[in-house]
C-alpha cells in the first residue's frame, strides 16, 4: 500500500531545502538572545606602555630583529639588568641603556619587564658601582662607559679591564667617574663618565 502526501507538503519541503545553504549567512545569535563569542585581540607586540626610570631592575624578555643586539639575543634574553637611564618607547618596545653585571647594552627595541627599584647598597649601585670618589692609586675594574663619554663606542673592548686610577676621580650623576686611568694591559683612558668597581 503506497502512502500519498498532499502536493502542498512536497512543495514546502523542497522550498525549505533550497534555502538551507544560505541560512547560516544571515544568522545573528544576538538577535535571538543567544550568547556570542567575543573577538580575540592580540596584544600589541612588546607591550611597553610606560617609560622605565633609571635605577630600576629589569628582566630582558626579548630583543627585536631590528635591534643591534638581535644576533646575540640568546645570551641576553632572560638576564636581570639595571637601567642606567630612563627608557624610551619605540613601536611598543623599550629602548635605552642597561647594565647587566659586567655587560652593558643600549637597546633600540627590546621587551623589558620592570621588577622594581634597584636596592641601594653602601658605596655601590647594582652591588658593585662605586658611588664615592675613588682616590688616586686605587685598583678598579671598569664596569661601564656612559653614552656621552668619548670612549662609549669602544666600550666592548674596555668594560672588564682592571686598572689603577692616576688621580682622584670626579663623581657625576651618582655613579659615573671621570679622570685618568692606567690599565693592566698598557692602555690609558681619560674618562668623562665611566662606572668603576673598587678592587
N, C-alpha and C. Protein backbone atom coordinates (compact mmCIF):
# COMPACT_ATOMS: atom_id res chain seq x y z
N UNK A 1 0.85 -1.20 0.00
CA UNK A 1 0.00 0.00 0.00
C UNK A 1 0.88 1.25 0.00
N UNK A 2 0.69 2.15 -0.95
CA UNK A 2 1.51 3.35 -1.05
C UNK A 2 0.86 4.50 -0.30
N UNK A 3 1.72 5.29 0.42
CA UNK A 3 1.24 6.45 1.16
C UNK A 3 1.44 7.68 0.30
N UNK A 4 0.40 8.40 0.00
CA UNK A 4 0.47 9.59 -0.85
C UNK A 4 0.42 10.83 0.03
N UNK A 5 1.36 11.75 -0.20
CA UNK A 5 1.40 13.01 0.55
C UNK A 5 0.74 14.11 -0.26
N UNK A 6 0.10 15.03 0.38
CA UNK A 6 -0.50 16.16 -0.35
C UNK A 6 0.57 16.97 -1.06
N UNK A 7 0.23 17.54 -2.19
CA UNK A 7 1.18 18.31 -3.00
C UNK A 7 1.77 19.47 -2.21
N UNK A 8 0.99 20.10 -1.37
CA UNK A 8 1.47 21.25 -0.59
C UNK A 8 2.63 20.90 0.31
N UNK A 9 2.62 19.69 0.89
CA UNK A 9 3.71 19.27 1.78
C UNK A 9 4.99 19.12 1.00
N UNK A 10 4.90 18.54 -0.22
CA UNK A 10 6.09 18.34 -1.04
C UNK A 10 6.71 19.68 -1.46
N UNK A 11 5.86 20.65 -1.80
CA UNK A 11 6.36 21.97 -2.20
C UNK A 11 7.06 22.66 -1.04
N UNK A 12 6.51 22.55 0.17
CA UNK A 12 7.12 23.15 1.36
C UNK A 12 8.49 22.55 1.64
N UNK A 13 8.57 21.19 1.54
CA UNK A 13 9.83 20.52 1.81
C UNK A 13 10.89 20.93 0.82
N UNK A 14 10.54 21.04 -0.44
CA UNK A 14 11.51 21.43 -1.46
C UNK A 14 11.97 22.86 -1.25
N UNK A 15 11.02 23.72 -0.90
CA UNK A 15 11.37 25.12 -0.67
C UNK A 15 12.26 25.30 0.53
N UNK A 16 12.04 24.52 1.60
CA UNK A 16 12.87 24.61 2.79
C UNK A 16 14.30 24.22 2.49
N UNK A 17 14.47 23.16 1.66
CA UNK A 17 15.81 22.66 1.36
C UNK A 17 16.59 23.63 0.48
N UNK A 18 15.89 24.32 -0.40
CA UNK A 18 16.62 25.21 -1.31
C UNK A 18 17.27 26.36 -0.56
N UNK A 19 16.82 26.64 0.64
CA UNK A 19 17.37 27.77 1.40
C UNK A 19 18.39 27.33 2.45
N UNK A 20 18.61 26.02 2.60
CA UNK A 20 19.48 25.52 3.70
C UNK A 20 20.88 26.10 3.61
N UNK A 21 21.40 26.22 2.39
CA UNK A 21 22.78 26.68 2.24
C UNK A 21 22.97 28.13 2.63
N UNK A 22 21.96 28.95 2.58
CA UNK A 22 22.10 30.38 2.86
C UNK A 22 21.71 30.75 4.29
N UNK A 23 21.15 29.83 5.02
CA UNK A 23 20.59 30.13 6.33
C UNK A 23 21.64 30.68 7.29
N UNK A 24 22.83 30.05 7.31
CA UNK A 24 23.87 30.45 8.27
C UNK A 24 24.45 31.82 7.98
N UNK A 25 24.35 32.30 6.70
CA UNK A 25 24.96 33.57 6.35
C UNK A 25 24.28 34.74 7.04
N UNK A 26 22.98 34.66 7.26
CA UNK A 26 22.24 35.76 7.85
C UNK A 26 21.91 35.52 9.32
N UNK A 27 22.43 34.43 9.88
CA UNK A 27 22.08 34.09 11.26
C UNK A 27 22.79 35.02 12.23
N UNK A 28 22.02 35.65 13.11
CA UNK A 28 22.57 36.58 14.10
C UNK A 28 22.17 36.09 15.49
N UNK A 29 23.10 35.42 16.23
CA UNK A 29 22.75 34.87 17.54
C UNK A 29 22.24 35.93 18.51
N UNK A 30 22.81 37.14 18.43
CA UNK A 30 22.42 38.19 19.38
C UNK A 30 20.95 38.56 19.21
N UNK A 31 20.43 38.50 17.97
CA UNK A 31 19.03 38.87 17.74
C UNK A 31 18.07 37.89 18.38
N UNK A 32 18.55 36.66 18.64
CA UNK A 32 17.73 35.64 19.29
C UNK A 32 18.01 35.54 20.79
N UNK A 33 18.88 36.45 21.29
CA UNK A 33 19.20 36.42 22.73
C UNK A 33 20.19 35.33 23.10
N UNK A 34 20.91 34.79 22.10
CA UNK A 34 21.91 33.75 22.37
C UNK A 34 23.25 34.38 22.69
N UNK A 35 24.10 33.70 23.50
CA UNK A 35 25.42 34.25 23.82
C UNK A 35 26.31 34.30 22.58
N UNK A 36 27.15 35.31 22.49
CA UNK A 36 28.09 35.43 21.38
C UNK A 36 29.51 35.30 21.90
N UNK A 37 30.41 34.86 21.04
CA UNK A 37 31.82 34.70 21.42
C UNK A 37 32.55 35.99 21.11
N UNK A 38 33.22 36.63 22.09
CA UNK A 38 33.92 37.88 21.81
C UNK A 38 35.12 37.66 20.90
N UNK A 39 35.46 38.68 20.14
CA UNK A 39 36.63 38.59 19.28
C UNK A 39 37.88 38.55 20.14
N UNK A 40 38.90 37.78 19.69
CA UNK A 40 40.16 37.68 20.41
C UNK A 40 41.11 38.73 19.87
N UNK A 41 41.60 39.56 20.76
CA UNK A 41 42.51 40.62 20.35
C UNK A 41 43.92 40.29 20.80
N UNK A 42 44.85 40.29 19.84
CA UNK A 42 46.25 40.02 20.16
C UNK A 42 46.86 41.29 20.74
N UNK A 43 47.49 41.21 21.91
CA UNK A 43 48.08 42.41 22.48
C UNK A 43 49.18 42.97 21.59
N UNK A 44 49.41 44.26 21.68
CA UNK A 44 50.46 44.90 20.88
C UNK A 44 51.80 44.26 21.20
N UNK A 45 52.61 44.06 20.16
CA UNK A 45 53.91 43.43 20.34
C UNK A 45 54.74 44.25 21.31
N UNK A 46 55.44 43.55 22.22
CA UNK A 46 56.29 44.21 23.19
C UNK A 46 55.53 44.62 24.43
N UNK A 47 54.44 45.31 24.26
CA UNK A 47 53.59 45.65 25.39
C UNK A 47 54.10 46.77 26.25
N UNK A 48 55.13 47.52 25.81
CA UNK A 48 55.63 48.62 26.63
C UNK A 48 54.62 49.76 26.64
N UNK A 49 54.22 50.17 27.81
CA UNK A 49 53.23 51.24 27.93
C UNK A 49 53.76 52.45 28.69
N UNK A 50 54.90 52.30 29.36
CA UNK A 50 55.42 53.41 30.16
C UNK A 50 56.94 53.36 30.19
N UNK A 51 57.54 54.53 30.34
CA UNK A 51 58.99 54.63 30.46
C UNK A 51 59.43 54.00 31.78
N UNK A 52 60.52 53.25 31.76
CA UNK A 52 61.09 52.68 32.98
C UNK A 52 62.21 53.63 33.43
N UNK A 53 62.14 54.14 34.65
CA UNK A 53 63.15 55.11 35.12
C UNK A 53 64.52 54.48 35.30
N UNK A 54 65.54 55.31 35.30
CA UNK A 54 66.90 54.87 35.60
C UNK A 54 66.96 54.29 37.01
N UNK A 55 67.81 53.30 37.19
CA UNK A 55 67.98 52.70 38.50
C UNK A 55 66.97 51.62 38.84
N UNK A 56 66.20 51.15 37.84
CA UNK A 56 65.24 50.07 38.09
C UNK A 56 65.80 48.73 37.62
N UNK A 57 65.49 47.70 38.38
CA UNK A 57 65.81 46.34 37.94
C UNK A 57 64.85 45.95 36.82
N UNK A 58 65.37 45.34 35.77
CA UNK A 58 64.54 44.88 34.66
C UNK A 58 64.96 43.48 34.25
N UNK A 59 64.02 42.77 33.64
CA UNK A 59 64.33 41.46 33.04
C UNK A 59 64.15 41.59 31.54
N UNK A 60 65.16 41.14 30.77
CA UNK A 60 65.09 41.22 29.30
C UNK A 60 64.32 40.00 28.80
N UNK A 61 63.13 40.24 28.23
CA UNK A 61 62.32 39.13 27.72
C UNK A 61 62.61 38.80 26.27
N UNK A 62 62.79 39.83 25.45
CA UNK A 62 63.06 39.57 24.03
C UNK A 62 63.74 40.77 23.40
N UNK A 63 64.41 40.52 22.28
CA UNK A 63 65.07 41.56 21.51
C UNK A 63 64.57 41.45 20.07
N UNK A 64 64.18 42.56 19.49
CA UNK A 64 63.59 42.55 18.16
C UNK A 64 64.64 42.48 17.06
N UNK A 65 64.21 42.05 15.87
CA UNK A 65 65.14 41.80 14.77
C UNK A 65 65.84 43.06 14.27
N UNK A 66 65.27 44.25 14.51
CA UNK A 66 65.92 45.48 14.07
C UNK A 66 66.75 46.15 15.18
N UNK A 67 67.02 45.39 16.26
CA UNK A 67 67.89 45.88 17.32
C UNK A 67 69.32 45.38 17.05
N UNK A 68 70.30 46.19 17.38
CA UNK A 68 71.71 45.85 17.11
C UNK A 68 72.16 44.58 17.83
N UNK A 69 71.49 44.23 18.95
CA UNK A 69 71.89 43.05 19.73
C UNK A 69 71.09 41.80 19.37
N UNK A 70 70.31 41.85 18.30
CA UNK A 70 69.44 40.72 17.94
C UNK A 70 70.25 39.43 17.74
N UNK A 71 71.39 39.52 17.08
CA UNK A 71 72.19 38.32 16.79
C UNK A 71 72.70 37.65 18.07
N UNK A 72 72.83 38.43 19.14
CA UNK A 72 73.34 37.90 20.41
C UNK A 72 72.23 37.69 21.43
N UNK A 73 70.98 37.65 20.95
CA UNK A 73 69.83 37.60 21.86
C UNK A 73 69.82 36.36 22.75
N UNK A 74 70.38 35.25 22.27
CA UNK A 74 70.39 34.02 23.07
C UNK A 74 71.18 34.20 24.36
N UNK A 75 72.16 35.10 24.35
CA UNK A 75 72.98 35.34 25.54
C UNK A 75 72.44 36.48 26.40
N UNK A 76 71.43 37.20 25.89
CA UNK A 76 70.93 38.37 26.61
C UNK A 76 69.54 38.14 27.18
N UNK A 77 68.66 37.53 26.42
CA UNK A 77 67.27 37.32 26.86
C UNK A 77 67.24 36.50 28.14
N UNK A 78 66.45 36.97 29.09
CA UNK A 78 66.34 36.30 30.38
C UNK A 78 67.24 36.90 31.45
N UNK A 79 68.14 37.79 31.08
CA UNK A 79 69.07 38.37 32.05
C UNK A 79 68.40 39.43 32.91
N UNK A 80 68.90 39.57 34.12
CA UNK A 80 68.45 40.60 35.04
C UNK A 80 69.44 41.76 34.94
N UNK A 81 68.93 42.96 34.73
CA UNK A 81 69.78 44.13 34.50
C UNK A 81 69.25 45.33 35.29
N UNK A 82 69.97 46.45 35.19
CA UNK A 82 69.55 47.70 35.82
C UNK A 82 69.59 48.79 34.76
N UNK A 83 68.53 49.58 34.66
CA UNK A 83 68.51 50.69 33.71
C UNK A 83 69.47 51.77 34.18
N UNK A 84 70.32 52.26 33.28
CA UNK A 84 71.26 53.32 33.64
C UNK A 84 70.77 54.68 33.15
N UNK A 85 69.65 54.69 32.45
CA UNK A 85 68.97 55.92 32.03
C UNK A 85 67.51 55.59 31.84
N UNK A 86 66.66 56.61 31.82
CA UNK A 86 65.24 56.37 31.54
C UNK A 86 65.08 55.75 30.16
N UNK A 87 64.21 54.76 30.03
CA UNK A 87 64.00 54.13 28.73
C UNK A 87 63.11 54.99 27.84
N UNK A 88 63.07 54.64 26.56
CA UNK A 88 62.18 55.29 25.60
C UNK A 88 61.24 54.23 25.06
N UNK A 89 60.12 54.66 24.46
CA UNK A 89 59.17 53.72 23.86
C UNK A 89 59.30 53.81 22.35
N UNK A 90 59.60 52.69 21.70
CA UNK A 90 59.75 52.62 20.25
C UNK A 90 58.85 51.54 19.68
N UNK A 91 57.75 51.95 19.06
CA UNK A 91 56.81 50.99 18.43
C UNK A 91 56.36 49.90 19.41
N UNK A 92 56.12 50.28 20.65
CA UNK A 92 55.64 49.31 21.64
C UNK A 92 56.74 48.53 22.33
N UNK A 93 58.00 48.90 22.11
CA UNK A 93 59.14 48.23 22.76
C UNK A 93 59.96 49.26 23.52
N UNK A 94 60.81 48.77 24.43
CA UNK A 94 61.65 49.66 25.24
C UNK A 94 63.00 49.86 24.55
N UNK A 95 63.49 51.08 24.61
CA UNK A 95 64.85 51.39 24.19
C UNK A 95 65.58 52.04 25.34
N UNK A 96 66.91 51.90 25.36
CA UNK A 96 67.68 52.55 26.41
C UNK A 96 68.83 51.72 26.91
N UNK A 97 69.64 52.33 27.77
CA UNK A 97 70.85 51.70 28.28
C UNK A 97 70.58 50.92 29.56
N UNK A 98 71.14 49.71 29.62
CA UNK A 98 71.03 48.88 30.82
C UNK A 98 72.40 48.29 31.15
N UNK A 99 72.60 47.99 32.41
CA UNK A 99 73.82 47.33 32.87
C UNK A 99 73.44 45.97 33.42
N UNK A 100 74.09 44.93 32.91
CA UNK A 100 73.82 43.55 33.34
C UNK A 100 75.10 42.97 33.92
N UNK A 101 75.40 43.31 35.17
CA UNK A 101 76.66 42.88 35.77
C UNK A 101 77.81 43.62 35.10
N UNK A 102 78.72 42.85 34.46
CA UNK A 102 79.86 43.47 33.77
C UNK A 102 79.54 43.80 32.32
N UNK A 103 78.37 43.43 31.84
CA UNK A 103 77.96 43.73 30.47
C UNK A 103 76.99 44.90 30.44
N UNK A 104 77.04 45.66 29.37
CA UNK A 104 76.09 46.77 29.22
C UNK A 104 75.58 46.78 27.79
N UNK A 105 74.34 47.24 27.64
CA UNK A 105 73.70 47.27 26.33
C UNK A 105 72.91 48.57 26.21
N UNK A 106 72.78 49.03 24.97
CA UNK A 106 71.94 50.19 24.70
C UNK A 106 70.91 49.75 23.66
N UNK A 107 69.76 49.31 24.12
CA UNK A 107 68.76 48.71 23.25
C UNK A 107 68.03 49.77 22.42
N UNK A 108 67.60 49.32 21.23
CA UNK A 108 66.71 50.13 20.40
C UNK A 108 65.29 49.62 20.56
N UNK A 109 65.11 48.30 20.47
CA UNK A 109 63.79 47.69 20.66
C UNK A 109 63.94 46.37 21.40
N UNK A 110 63.58 46.38 22.67
CA UNK A 110 63.61 45.18 23.49
C UNK A 110 62.35 45.16 24.36
N UNK A 111 61.96 43.95 24.77
CA UNK A 111 60.86 43.82 25.72
C UNK A 111 61.46 43.68 27.11
N UNK A 112 61.22 44.67 27.96
CA UNK A 112 61.77 44.69 29.31
C UNK A 112 60.63 44.66 30.32
N UNK A 113 60.84 43.91 31.39
CA UNK A 113 59.87 43.88 32.48
C UNK A 113 60.47 44.62 33.67
N UNK A 114 59.79 45.62 34.15
CA UNK A 114 60.24 46.40 35.30
C UNK A 114 59.93 45.62 36.57
N UNK A 115 60.98 45.25 37.30
CA UNK A 115 60.78 44.48 38.53
C UNK A 115 61.10 45.30 39.78
N UNK A 116 61.18 46.63 39.62
CA UNK A 116 61.31 47.48 40.80
C UNK A 116 62.62 48.23 40.88
N UNK A 117 62.69 49.12 41.86
CA UNK A 117 63.87 49.94 42.07
C UNK A 117 65.03 49.07 42.54
N UNK A 118 66.19 49.28 41.94
CA UNK A 118 67.38 48.53 42.35
C UNK A 118 67.72 48.89 43.79
N UNK A 119 68.00 47.88 44.65
CA UNK A 119 68.31 48.18 46.04
C UNK A 119 69.60 48.97 46.17
N UNK A 120 69.57 49.99 46.99
CA UNK A 120 70.78 50.80 47.21
C UNK A 120 71.64 50.14 48.27
N UNK A 121 72.93 50.05 48.00
CA UNK A 121 73.87 49.49 48.97
C UNK A 121 74.97 50.52 49.19
N UNK A 122 75.59 50.49 50.35
CA UNK A 122 76.59 51.48 50.69
C UNK A 122 77.74 51.46 49.69
N UNK A 123 77.97 52.62 49.04
CA UNK A 123 79.09 52.73 48.12
C UNK A 123 78.92 52.00 46.81
N UNK A 124 77.71 51.52 46.48
CA UNK A 124 77.59 50.76 45.23
C UNK A 124 76.20 50.88 44.65
N UNK A 125 76.12 50.71 43.34
CA UNK A 125 74.88 50.57 42.62
C UNK A 125 74.98 49.26 41.87
N UNK A 126 73.91 48.47 41.85
CA UNK A 126 73.95 47.15 41.24
C UNK A 126 74.97 46.27 41.94
N UNK A 127 75.19 46.52 43.24
CA UNK A 127 76.07 45.67 44.02
C UNK A 127 77.54 45.89 43.78
N UNK A 128 77.93 46.82 42.87
CA UNK A 128 79.34 46.95 42.55
C UNK A 128 79.78 48.38 42.27
N UNK A 129 78.96 49.19 41.65
CA UNK A 129 79.38 50.51 41.21
C UNK A 129 79.73 51.44 42.37
N UNK A 130 80.93 51.99 42.34
CA UNK A 130 81.36 52.93 43.39
C UNK A 130 80.55 54.21 43.26
N UNK A 131 80.00 54.66 44.38
CA UNK A 131 79.20 55.88 44.41
C UNK A 131 79.93 57.04 45.07
N UNK A 132 81.18 56.82 45.41
CA UNK A 132 82.00 57.86 46.01
C UNK A 132 83.25 58.04 45.17
N UNK A 133 83.86 59.19 45.24
CA UNK A 133 85.10 59.43 44.50
C UNK A 133 86.14 58.37 44.88
N UNK A 134 86.82 57.85 43.85
CA UNK A 134 87.86 56.83 44.08
C UNK A 134 89.20 57.55 44.15
N UNK A 135 90.01 57.31 45.20
CA UNK A 135 91.28 58.05 45.34
C UNK A 135 92.32 57.65 44.30
N UNK A 136 93.33 58.49 44.14
CA UNK A 136 94.45 58.21 43.25
C UNK A 136 95.19 56.95 43.71
N UNK A 137 95.59 56.11 42.76
CA UNK A 137 96.33 54.90 43.08
C UNK A 137 95.46 53.71 43.45
N UNK A 138 94.13 53.86 43.36
CA UNK A 138 93.23 52.76 43.72
C UNK A 138 93.09 51.78 42.55
N UNK A 139 92.93 50.52 42.91
CA UNK A 139 92.69 49.48 41.89
C UNK A 139 91.19 49.45 41.61
N UNK A 140 90.83 49.45 40.33
CA UNK A 140 89.42 49.47 39.94
C UNK A 140 89.19 48.52 38.76
N UNK A 141 87.95 48.15 38.61
CA UNK A 141 87.50 47.41 37.43
C UNK A 141 86.49 48.29 36.70
N UNK A 142 86.63 48.39 35.39
CA UNK A 142 85.71 49.22 34.60
C UNK A 142 84.44 48.40 34.32
N UNK A 143 83.30 48.91 34.80
CA UNK A 143 82.03 48.20 34.64
C UNK A 143 81.22 48.69 33.45
N UNK A 144 81.37 49.97 33.09
CA UNK A 144 80.55 50.52 32.01
C UNK A 144 81.14 51.86 31.59
N UNK A 145 80.75 52.28 30.38
CA UNK A 145 81.12 53.60 29.87
C UNK A 145 79.83 54.29 29.44
N UNK A 146 79.61 55.51 29.89
CA UNK A 146 78.36 56.21 29.61
C UNK A 146 78.25 56.59 28.14
N UNK A 147 77.01 56.78 27.69
CA UNK A 147 76.75 57.09 26.29
C UNK A 147 77.35 58.44 25.87
N UNK A 148 77.54 59.36 26.83
CA UNK A 148 78.09 60.67 26.49
C UNK A 148 79.59 60.77 26.76
N UNK A 149 80.25 59.62 26.91
CA UNK A 149 81.71 59.58 27.06
C UNK A 149 82.34 59.33 25.70
N UNK A 150 83.51 59.91 25.46
CA UNK A 150 84.18 59.77 24.16
C UNK A 150 84.55 58.31 23.85
N UNK A 151 84.69 57.47 24.87
CA UNK A 151 85.07 56.07 24.66
C UNK A 151 83.86 55.13 24.55
N UNK A 152 82.67 55.70 24.52
CA UNK A 152 81.46 54.85 24.51
C UNK A 152 81.44 53.86 23.36
N UNK A 153 81.82 54.29 22.17
CA UNK A 153 81.75 53.40 21.00
C UNK A 153 82.72 52.23 21.11
N UNK A 154 83.73 52.34 21.98
CA UNK A 154 84.72 51.26 22.14
C UNK A 154 84.53 50.52 23.46
N UNK A 155 83.35 50.71 24.09
CA UNK A 155 83.16 50.14 25.44
C UNK A 155 83.25 48.62 25.48
N UNK A 156 82.93 47.96 24.35
CA UNK A 156 83.00 46.49 24.33
C UNK A 156 84.43 46.01 24.58
N UNK A 157 85.42 46.84 24.21
CA UNK A 157 86.83 46.48 24.43
C UNK A 157 87.38 47.02 25.74
N UNK A 158 86.59 47.84 26.44
CA UNK A 158 87.07 48.49 27.66
C UNK A 158 86.47 47.86 28.92
N UNK A 159 85.17 47.57 28.88
CA UNK A 159 84.48 47.04 30.07
C UNK A 159 85.13 45.73 30.51
N UNK A 160 85.40 45.66 31.81
CA UNK A 160 86.01 44.46 32.38
C UNK A 160 87.49 44.59 32.67
N UNK A 161 88.12 45.66 32.16
CA UNK A 161 89.56 45.83 32.37
C UNK A 161 89.86 46.19 33.83
N UNK A 162 91.00 45.73 34.30
CA UNK A 162 91.49 46.07 35.63
C UNK A 162 92.52 47.18 35.47
N UNK A 163 92.38 48.23 36.29
CA UNK A 163 93.18 49.43 36.08
C UNK A 163 93.56 50.06 37.42
N UNK A 164 94.34 51.15 37.33
CA UNK A 164 94.73 51.94 38.50
C UNK A 164 94.44 53.40 38.22
N UNK A 165 93.77 54.06 39.16
CA UNK A 165 93.46 55.48 38.96
C UNK A 165 94.75 56.32 39.11
N UNK A 166 94.89 57.31 38.23
CA UNK A 166 96.06 58.18 38.28
C UNK A 166 95.78 59.48 39.02
N UNK A 167 94.52 59.66 39.41
CA UNK A 167 94.11 60.82 40.18
C UNK A 167 92.78 60.47 40.84
N UNK A 168 92.39 61.25 41.83
CA UNK A 168 91.08 61.02 42.45
C UNK A 168 90.00 61.30 41.40
N UNK A 169 89.04 60.41 41.30
CA UNK A 169 88.01 60.57 40.28
C UNK A 169 87.01 61.65 40.68
N UNK A 170 86.43 62.29 39.67
CA UNK A 170 85.33 63.23 39.91
C UNK A 170 84.03 62.46 39.71
N UNK A 171 83.06 62.70 40.57
CA UNK A 171 81.81 61.94 40.54
C UNK A 171 80.72 62.73 39.82
N UNK A 172 80.00 62.04 38.91
CA UNK A 172 78.93 62.68 38.15
C UNK A 172 77.70 61.77 38.18
N UNK A 173 76.54 62.36 38.40
CA UNK A 173 75.27 61.62 38.35
C UNK A 173 75.29 60.37 39.22
N UNK A 174 75.82 60.49 40.41
CA UNK A 174 75.80 59.46 41.46
C UNK A 174 76.77 58.31 41.23
N UNK A 175 76.87 57.79 39.99
CA UNK A 175 77.61 56.54 39.81
C UNK A 175 78.63 56.57 38.69
N UNK A 176 78.87 57.72 38.07
CA UNK A 176 79.81 57.82 36.96
C UNK A 176 81.06 58.59 37.41
N UNK A 177 82.22 58.09 36.98
CA UNK A 177 83.50 58.66 37.39
C UNK A 177 84.25 59.24 36.21
N UNK A 178 84.90 60.38 36.45
CA UNK A 178 85.78 60.98 35.46
C UNK A 178 87.19 61.03 35.98
N UNK A 179 88.16 60.96 35.05
CA UNK A 179 89.55 61.02 35.46
C UNK A 179 90.44 60.10 34.66
N UNK A 180 91.74 60.17 34.94
CA UNK A 180 92.74 59.40 34.21
C UNK A 180 92.97 58.04 34.86
N UNK A 181 93.02 57.02 34.01
CA UNK A 181 93.18 55.63 34.48
C UNK A 181 94.18 54.91 33.61
N UNK A 182 95.10 54.17 34.23
CA UNK A 182 96.03 53.28 33.51
C UNK A 182 95.61 51.84 33.76
N UNK A 183 95.47 51.06 32.69
CA UNK A 183 95.01 49.68 32.82
C UNK A 183 96.17 48.68 32.70
N UNK A 184 95.94 47.49 33.21
CA UNK A 184 96.99 46.47 33.29
C UNK A 184 97.50 46.05 31.91
N UNK A 185 96.69 46.23 30.86
CA UNK A 185 97.13 45.83 29.52
C UNK A 185 97.92 46.94 28.82
N UNK A 186 98.22 48.03 29.54
CA UNK A 186 99.00 49.12 28.97
C UNK A 186 98.18 50.26 28.40
N UNK A 187 96.87 50.10 28.33
CA UNK A 187 96.02 51.16 27.78
C UNK A 187 95.78 52.24 28.83
N UNK A 188 95.58 53.45 28.37
CA UNK A 188 95.33 54.59 29.24
C UNK A 188 94.08 55.32 28.75
N UNK A 189 93.23 55.74 29.70
CA UNK A 189 92.00 56.44 29.34
C UNK A 189 91.84 57.66 30.24
N UNK A 190 91.24 58.69 29.65
CA UNK A 190 90.81 59.83 30.46
C UNK A 190 89.29 59.90 30.30
N UNK A 191 88.59 59.33 31.26
CA UNK A 191 87.14 59.21 31.16
C UNK A 191 86.43 60.49 31.57
N UNK A 192 85.29 60.69 30.91
CA UNK A 192 84.34 61.71 31.35
C UNK A 192 83.31 61.05 32.28
N UNK A 193 82.81 59.87 31.86
CA UNK A 193 81.87 59.12 32.68
C UNK A 193 82.08 57.63 32.47
N UNK A 194 82.66 56.99 33.50
CA UNK A 194 82.82 55.53 33.49
C UNK A 194 82.34 54.99 34.82
N UNK A 195 81.76 53.81 34.82
CA UNK A 195 81.33 53.15 36.07
C UNK A 195 82.49 52.27 36.53
N UNK A 196 82.85 52.43 37.80
CA UNK A 196 84.02 51.72 38.35
C UNK A 196 83.62 50.89 39.56
N UNK A 197 84.32 49.77 39.71
CA UNK A 197 84.19 48.95 40.92
C UNK A 197 85.56 48.92 41.61
N UNK A 198 85.58 49.27 42.88
CA UNK A 198 86.85 49.24 43.62
C UNK A 198 87.23 47.79 43.90
N UNK A 199 88.50 47.48 43.71
CA UNK A 199 89.01 46.12 43.92
C UNK A 199 89.67 45.99 45.30
